[in-house]
Amino acid sequence: MPFLSDPRRVVQKDLDIAEYTDPTHNPMIPHTIVLEPGLVIYKVYMNYWFFARSTAEELRQGLRAVIKKCRPDWDITAPEMKAAWQQGRKELFYPYRKTFAKRSANRNRRSYGNTKNRKN
């Protein structure tokens, strides 16, 4: 579903984000959405006026929280991470021997099954 070009206002209606104060132009209330992997919504900011917009610091904090949730090596001082390193489980530590693309491909295969026969 295209969102940047939505002349029929499908997304506007589905998300109920019509700016009701301007019925002539029928604009949408702008939003910023911080997403977790799998397109899970972590946080939504309503950006109606300049003073309501999310700041760079708020977005940085949101992205930091998301990365902390999905990265096992976020805190390498944790006892379980030290033990994993000592056991040779280096796959838990990014980017140890794997590129981001390889890690993403492996994660997608585990989550969604075999991707060899999937059409792009």
N, C-alpha and C. Protein backbone atom coordinates (compact mmCIF):
# COMPACT_ATOMS: atom_id res chain seq x y z
N MET A 1 0.85 -1.17 0.00
CA MET A 1 0.00 0.00 0.00
C MET A 1 0.90 1.24 0.00
N PRO A 2 0.83 2.08 -1.02
CA PRO A 2 1.68 3.27 -1.06
C PRO A 2 1.21 4.30 -0.03
N PHE A 3 2.16 4.81 0.72
CA PHE A 3 1.78 5.81 1.71
C PHE A 3 2.21 7.21 1.30
N LEU A 4 3.36 7.32 0.64
CA LEU A 4 3.81 8.65 0.26
C LEU A 4 2.94 9.25 -0.85
N SER A 5 2.24 8.40 -1.54
CA SER A 5 1.31 8.86 -2.55
C SER A 5 -0.02 8.15 -2.29
N ASP A 6 -0.93 8.85 -1.67
CA ASP A 6 -2.21 8.25 -1.26
C ASP A 6 -3.36 9.19 -1.63
N PRO A 7 -3.57 9.41 -2.95
CA PRO A 7 -4.59 10.38 -3.37
C PRO A 7 -6.00 10.02 -2.92
N ARG A 8 -6.28 8.74 -2.73
CA ARG A 8 -7.63 8.34 -2.28
C ARG A 8 -7.77 8.38 -0.76
N ARG A 9 -6.67 8.72 -0.07
CA ARG A 9 -6.65 8.86 1.39
C ARG A 9 -7.01 7.55 2.11
N VAL A 10 -6.56 6.44 1.56
CA VAL A 10 -6.83 5.14 2.16
C VAL A 10 -6.15 5.03 3.53
N VAL A 11 -4.86 5.38 3.57
CA VAL A 11 -4.11 5.29 4.82
C VAL A 11 -4.66 6.30 5.83
N GLN A 12 -4.99 7.47 5.35
CA GLN A 12 -5.56 8.50 6.23
C GLN A 12 -6.81 7.97 6.93
N LYS A 13 -7.66 7.30 6.18
CA LYS A 13 -8.90 6.76 6.76
C LYS A 13 -8.61 5.56 7.65
N ASP A 14 -7.73 4.66 7.19
CA ASP A 14 -7.42 3.46 7.99
C ASP A 14 -6.81 3.81 9.34
N LEU A 15 -5.93 4.81 9.35
CA LEU A 15 -5.25 5.19 10.59
C LEU A 15 -5.95 6.33 11.33
N ASP A 16 -7.00 6.85 10.75
CA ASP A 16 -7.76 7.95 11.35
C ASP A 16 -6.84 9.13 11.68
N ILE A 17 -6.10 9.60 10.65
CA ILE A 17 -5.16 10.70 10.85
C ILE A 17 -5.51 11.91 9.98
N ALA A 18 -6.78 12.07 9.70
CA ALA A 18 -7.22 13.24 8.93
C ALA A 18 -7.09 14.49 9.80
N GLU A 19 -6.62 15.55 9.19
CA GLU A 19 -6.56 16.84 9.89
C GLU A 19 -7.93 17.50 9.70
N TYR A 20 -8.79 17.35 10.65
CA TYR A 20 -10.18 17.80 10.51
C TYR A 20 -10.32 19.31 10.50
N THR A 21 -9.26 20.05 10.83
CA THR A 21 -9.34 21.51 10.83
C THR A 21 -9.19 22.11 9.43
N ASP A 22 -8.89 21.29 8.43
CA ASP A 22 -8.72 21.78 7.06
C ASP A 22 -9.47 20.86 6.09
N PRO A 23 -10.81 20.90 6.09
CA PRO A 23 -11.56 20.02 5.21
C PRO A 23 -11.39 20.35 3.73
N THR A 24 -10.97 21.55 3.41
CA THR A 24 -10.78 21.93 2.01
C THR A 24 -9.66 21.14 1.35
N HIS A 25 -8.52 21.05 2.02
CA HIS A 25 -7.36 20.37 1.45
C HIS A 25 -7.23 18.91 1.89
N ASN A 26 -7.94 18.54 2.93
CA ASN A 26 -7.98 17.17 3.44
C ASN A 26 -6.58 16.59 3.70
N PRO A 27 -5.70 17.33 4.41
CA PRO A 27 -4.37 16.80 4.67
C PRO A 27 -4.38 15.75 5.78
N MET A 28 -3.25 15.11 5.95
CA MET A 28 -3.08 14.13 7.03
C MET A 28 -2.25 14.76 8.13
N ILE A 29 -2.49 14.36 9.35
CA ILE A 29 -1.66 14.79 10.46
C ILE A 29 -0.36 13.99 10.34
N PRO A 30 0.78 14.68 10.25
CA PRO A 30 2.04 13.94 10.10
C PRO A 30 2.42 13.18 11.36
N HIS A 31 2.97 12.02 11.16
CA HIS A 31 3.43 11.17 12.26
C HIS A 31 4.82 10.65 11.95
N THR A 32 5.59 10.40 12.99
CA THR A 32 6.86 9.70 12.88
C THR A 32 6.71 8.41 13.67
N ILE A 33 7.12 7.30 13.05
CA ILE A 33 6.95 5.99 13.67
C ILE A 33 8.32 5.33 13.81
N VAL A 34 8.64 4.90 15.02
CA VAL A 34 9.86 4.13 15.26
C VAL A 34 9.46 2.66 15.24
N LEU A 35 10.11 1.90 14.35
CA LEU A 35 9.75 0.49 14.17
C LEU A 35 10.83 -0.44 14.68
N GLU A 36 10.38 -1.57 15.24
CA GLU A 36 11.28 -2.66 15.61
C GLU A 36 11.39 -3.59 14.40
N PRO A 37 12.33 -4.53 14.44
CA PRO A 37 12.39 -5.51 13.34
C PRO A 37 11.04 -6.20 13.17
N GLY A 38 10.72 -6.54 11.93
CA GLY A 38 9.42 -7.14 11.63
C GLY A 38 8.31 -6.11 11.52
N LEU A 39 8.69 -4.84 11.43
CA LEU A 39 7.75 -3.72 11.31
C LEU A 39 6.78 -3.63 12.49
N VAL A 40 7.28 -3.95 13.67
CA VAL A 40 6.50 -3.82 14.89
C VAL A 40 6.65 -2.38 15.38
N ILE A 41 5.54 -1.74 15.66
CA ILE A 41 5.58 -0.35 16.10
C ILE A 41 6.09 -0.28 17.54
N TYR A 42 7.15 0.49 17.74
CA TYR A 42 7.70 0.72 19.07
C TYR A 42 7.12 2.00 19.66
N LYS A 43 7.11 3.07 18.85
CA LYS A 43 6.61 4.34 19.35
C LYS A 43 6.10 5.18 18.18
N VAL A 44 5.06 5.95 18.44
CA VAL A 44 4.48 6.84 17.44
C VAL A 44 4.51 8.26 17.99
N TYR A 45 4.99 9.19 17.16
CA TYR A 45 5.00 10.60 17.51
C TYR A 45 4.02 11.32 16.59
N MET A 46 3.14 12.13 17.16
CA MET A 46 2.23 12.95 16.39
C MET A 46 2.94 14.27 16.15
N ASN A 47 3.04 14.71 14.91
CA ASN A 47 3.84 15.88 14.55
C ASN A 47 2.98 17.01 13.97
N TYR A 48 1.89 17.34 14.63
CA TYR A 48 0.95 18.30 14.06
C TYR A 48 1.56 19.68 13.87
N TRP A 49 2.10 20.27 14.90
CA TRP A 49 2.75 21.57 14.79
C TRP A 49 4.22 21.41 15.10
N PHE A 50 5.00 22.45 14.79
CA PHE A 50 6.44 22.40 15.01
C PHE A 50 6.77 21.99 16.44
N PHE A 51 6.08 22.57 17.42
CA PHE A 51 6.39 22.29 18.82
C PHE A 51 5.97 20.89 19.24
N ALA A 52 5.20 20.19 18.43
CA ALA A 52 4.79 18.83 18.76
C ALA A 52 5.66 17.77 18.08
N ARG A 53 6.53 18.19 17.18
CA ARG A 53 7.36 17.23 16.44
C ARG A 53 8.36 16.55 17.35
N SER A 54 8.65 15.31 17.00
CA SER A 54 9.65 14.57 17.76
C SER A 54 11.02 15.20 17.52
N THR A 55 11.81 15.25 18.56
CA THR A 55 13.14 15.82 18.44
C THR A 55 14.12 14.74 18.00
N ALA A 56 15.28 15.17 17.54
CA ALA A 56 16.32 14.21 17.16
C ALA A 56 16.71 13.36 18.37
N GLU A 57 16.73 13.95 19.54
CA GLU A 57 17.07 13.21 20.76
C GLU A 57 16.02 12.16 21.10
N GLU A 58 14.73 12.50 20.94
CA GLU A 58 13.68 11.51 21.19
C GLU A 58 13.79 10.34 20.22
N LEU A 59 14.05 10.63 18.96
CA LEU A 59 14.20 9.56 17.97
C LEU A 59 15.44 8.72 18.27
N ARG A 60 16.53 9.37 18.67
CA ARG A 60 17.74 8.63 19.02
C ARG A 60 17.48 7.70 20.20
N GLN A 61 16.77 8.20 21.21
CA GLN A 61 16.46 7.38 22.37
C GLN A 61 15.56 6.19 21.98
N GLY A 62 14.59 6.44 21.10
CA GLY A 62 13.71 5.35 20.64
C GLY A 62 14.48 4.29 19.87
N LEU A 63 15.34 4.74 18.96
CA LEU A 63 16.14 3.77 18.20
C LEU A 63 17.12 3.03 19.10
N ARG A 64 17.66 3.71 20.07
CA ARG A 64 18.57 3.07 21.03
C ARG A 64 17.83 1.97 21.79
N ALA A 65 16.62 2.24 22.24
CA ALA A 65 15.83 1.24 22.96
C ALA A 65 15.50 0.04 22.08
N VAL A 66 15.17 0.31 20.81
CA VAL A 66 14.87 -0.79 19.88
C VAL A 66 16.10 -1.66 19.65
N ILE A 67 17.24 -1.03 19.41
CA ILE A 67 18.47 -1.79 19.18
C ILE A 67 18.83 -2.59 20.42
N LYS A 68 18.65 -2.01 21.59
CA LYS A 68 18.95 -2.71 22.84
C LYS A 68 18.10 -3.97 22.99
N LYS A 69 16.84 -3.90 22.55
CA LYS A 69 15.94 -5.05 22.64
C LYS A 69 16.34 -6.18 21.69
N CYS A 70 16.89 -5.85 20.52
CA CYS A 70 17.10 -6.89 19.50
C CYS A 70 18.56 -7.29 19.32
N ARG A 71 19.48 -6.71 20.08
CA ARG A 71 20.89 -7.05 19.95
C ARG A 71 21.35 -7.79 21.21
N PRO A 72 21.68 -9.07 21.11
CA PRO A 72 22.13 -9.78 22.31
C PRO A 72 23.43 -9.23 22.87
N ASP A 73 24.25 -8.61 22.02
CA ASP A 73 25.54 -8.10 22.48
C ASP A 73 25.48 -6.62 22.88
N TRP A 74 24.30 -6.12 23.19
CA TRP A 74 24.18 -4.72 23.58
C TRP A 74 25.04 -4.43 24.81
N ASP A 75 24.97 -5.30 25.79
CA ASP A 75 25.77 -5.14 27.00
C ASP A 75 26.74 -6.31 27.10
N ILE A 76 27.95 -6.11 26.59
CA ILE A 76 28.90 -7.22 26.59
C ILE A 76 29.53 -7.44 27.96
N THR A 77 29.15 -6.60 28.95
CA THR A 77 29.64 -6.83 30.30
C THR A 77 28.73 -7.78 31.08
N ALA A 78 27.59 -8.14 30.51
CA ALA A 78 26.67 -9.05 31.19
C ALA A 78 27.33 -10.43 31.35
N PRO A 79 27.14 -11.09 32.48
CA PRO A 79 27.79 -12.38 32.72
C PRO A 79 27.48 -13.42 31.63
N GLU A 80 26.25 -13.44 31.12
CA GLU A 80 25.91 -14.42 30.09
C GLU A 80 26.64 -14.16 28.78
N MET A 81 26.93 -12.89 28.50
CA MET A 81 27.68 -12.57 27.28
C MET A 81 29.16 -12.94 27.45
N LYS A 82 29.71 -12.70 28.63
CA LYS A 82 31.09 -13.11 28.90
C LYS A 82 31.22 -14.62 28.78
N ALA A 83 30.26 -15.35 29.34
CA ALA A 83 30.28 -16.82 29.27
C ALA A 83 30.16 -17.29 27.83
N ALA A 84 29.30 -16.66 27.05
CA ALA A 84 29.14 -17.05 25.64
C ALA A 84 30.45 -16.85 24.88
N TRP A 85 31.15 -15.76 25.13
CA TRP A 85 32.43 -15.50 24.47
C TRP A 85 33.46 -16.57 24.86
N GLN A 86 33.51 -16.88 26.14
CA GLN A 86 34.46 -17.89 26.61
C GLN A 86 34.14 -19.27 26.06
N GLN A 87 32.86 -19.55 25.78
CA GLN A 87 32.45 -20.83 25.20
C GLN A 87 32.65 -20.86 23.69
N GLY A 88 33.10 -19.76 23.10
CA GLY A 88 33.33 -19.72 21.66
C GLY A 88 32.08 -19.42 20.84
N ARG A 89 31.03 -18.98 21.48
CA ARG A 89 29.79 -18.67 20.77
C ARG A 89 29.87 -17.25 20.21
N LYS A 90 30.78 -17.06 19.30
CA LYS A 90 31.09 -15.73 18.78
C LYS A 90 30.02 -15.21 17.81
N GLU A 91 29.11 -16.07 17.39
CA GLU A 91 28.04 -15.61 16.49
C GLU A 91 27.10 -14.62 17.18
N LEU A 92 27.15 -14.58 18.51
CA LEU A 92 26.31 -13.64 19.25
C LEU A 92 26.88 -12.23 19.26
N PHE A 93 28.11 -12.07 18.77
CA PHE A 93 28.79 -10.79 18.83
C PHE A 93 28.94 -10.22 17.43
N TYR A 94 28.30 -9.10 17.20
CA TYR A 94 28.34 -8.46 15.89
C TYR A 94 29.51 -7.51 15.82
N PRO A 95 30.21 -7.42 14.74
CA PRO A 95 30.13 -8.16 13.48
C PRO A 95 31.19 -9.25 13.39
N TYR A 96 31.20 -10.14 14.31
CA TYR A 96 32.22 -11.17 14.35
C TYR A 96 32.03 -12.20 13.26
N ARG A 97 32.85 -12.15 12.22
CA ARG A 97 32.90 -13.10 11.10
C ARG A 97 31.70 -13.08 10.18
N LYS A 98 30.73 -12.23 10.39
CA LYS A 98 29.57 -12.20 9.50
C LYS A 98 29.24 -10.75 9.14
N THR A 99 28.81 -10.56 7.92
CA THR A 99 28.36 -9.24 7.52
C THR A 99 26.93 -9.05 7.99
N PHE A 100 26.49 -7.81 8.00
CA PHE A 100 25.10 -7.54 8.38
C PHE A 100 24.14 -8.25 7.43
N ALA A 101 24.46 -8.26 6.13
CA ALA A 101 23.58 -8.91 5.15
C ALA A 101 23.44 -10.40 5.45
N LYS A 102 24.55 -11.05 5.80
CA LYS A 102 24.48 -12.48 6.13
C LYS A 102 23.65 -12.71 7.39
N ARG A 103 23.85 -11.85 8.39
CA ARG A 103 23.09 -12.00 9.63
C ARG A 103 21.60 -11.79 9.38
N SER A 104 21.26 -10.81 8.56
CA SER A 104 19.86 -10.54 8.25
C SER A 104 19.25 -11.70 7.48
N ALA A 105 19.99 -12.24 6.51
CA ALA A 105 19.48 -13.35 5.72
C ALA A 105 19.22 -14.56 6.61
N ASN A 106 20.14 -14.85 7.51
CA ASN A 106 19.95 -15.98 8.42
C ASN A 106 18.76 -15.76 9.34
N ARG A 107 18.60 -14.55 9.83
CA ARG A 107 17.48 -14.25 10.71
C ARG A 107 16.16 -14.40 9.97
N ASN A 108 16.10 -13.94 8.71
CA ASN A 108 14.88 -14.04 7.92
C ASN A 108 14.54 -15.50 7.63
N ARG A 109 15.52 -16.32 7.35
CA ARG A 109 15.25 -17.74 7.08
C ARG A 109 14.69 -18.42 8.31
N ARG A 110 15.23 -18.09 9.48
CA ARG A 110 14.72 -18.69 10.71
C ARG A 110 13.28 -18.24 10.97
N SER A 111 13.00 -16.96 10.70
CA SER A 111 11.69 -16.42 11.01
C SER A 111 10.62 -16.82 10.01
N TYR A 112 10.99 -16.89 8.74
CA TYR A 112 9.98 -17.06 7.70
C TYR A 112 10.14 -18.33 6.89
N GLY A 113 10.98 -19.22 7.31
CA GLY A 113 11.18 -20.47 6.57
C GLY A 113 12.20 -20.30 5.46
N ASN A 114 12.32 -21.31 4.65
CA ASN A 114 13.31 -21.32 3.57
C ASN A 114 12.94 -20.29 2.51
N THR A 115 13.91 -19.48 2.13
CA THR A 115 13.64 -18.41 1.17
C THR A 115 14.16 -18.74 -0.23
N LYS A 116 14.69 -19.94 -0.44
CA LYS A 116 15.25 -20.27 -1.75
C LYS A 116 14.21 -20.23 -2.86
N ASN A 117 13.00 -20.68 -2.58
CA ASN A 117 11.97 -20.75 -3.61
C ASN A 117 11.05 -19.54 -3.62
N ARG A 118 11.33 -18.58 -2.77
CA ARG A 118 10.49 -17.40 -2.68
C ARG A 118 10.74 -16.49 -3.88
N LYS A 119 9.66 -15.97 -4.47
CA LYS A 119 9.76 -15.01 -5.57
C LYS A 119 9.93 -13.62 -4.99
N ASN A 120 10.78 -12.83 -5.63
CA ASN A 120 11.00 -11.46 -5.17
C ASN A 120 10.04 -10.50 -5.81
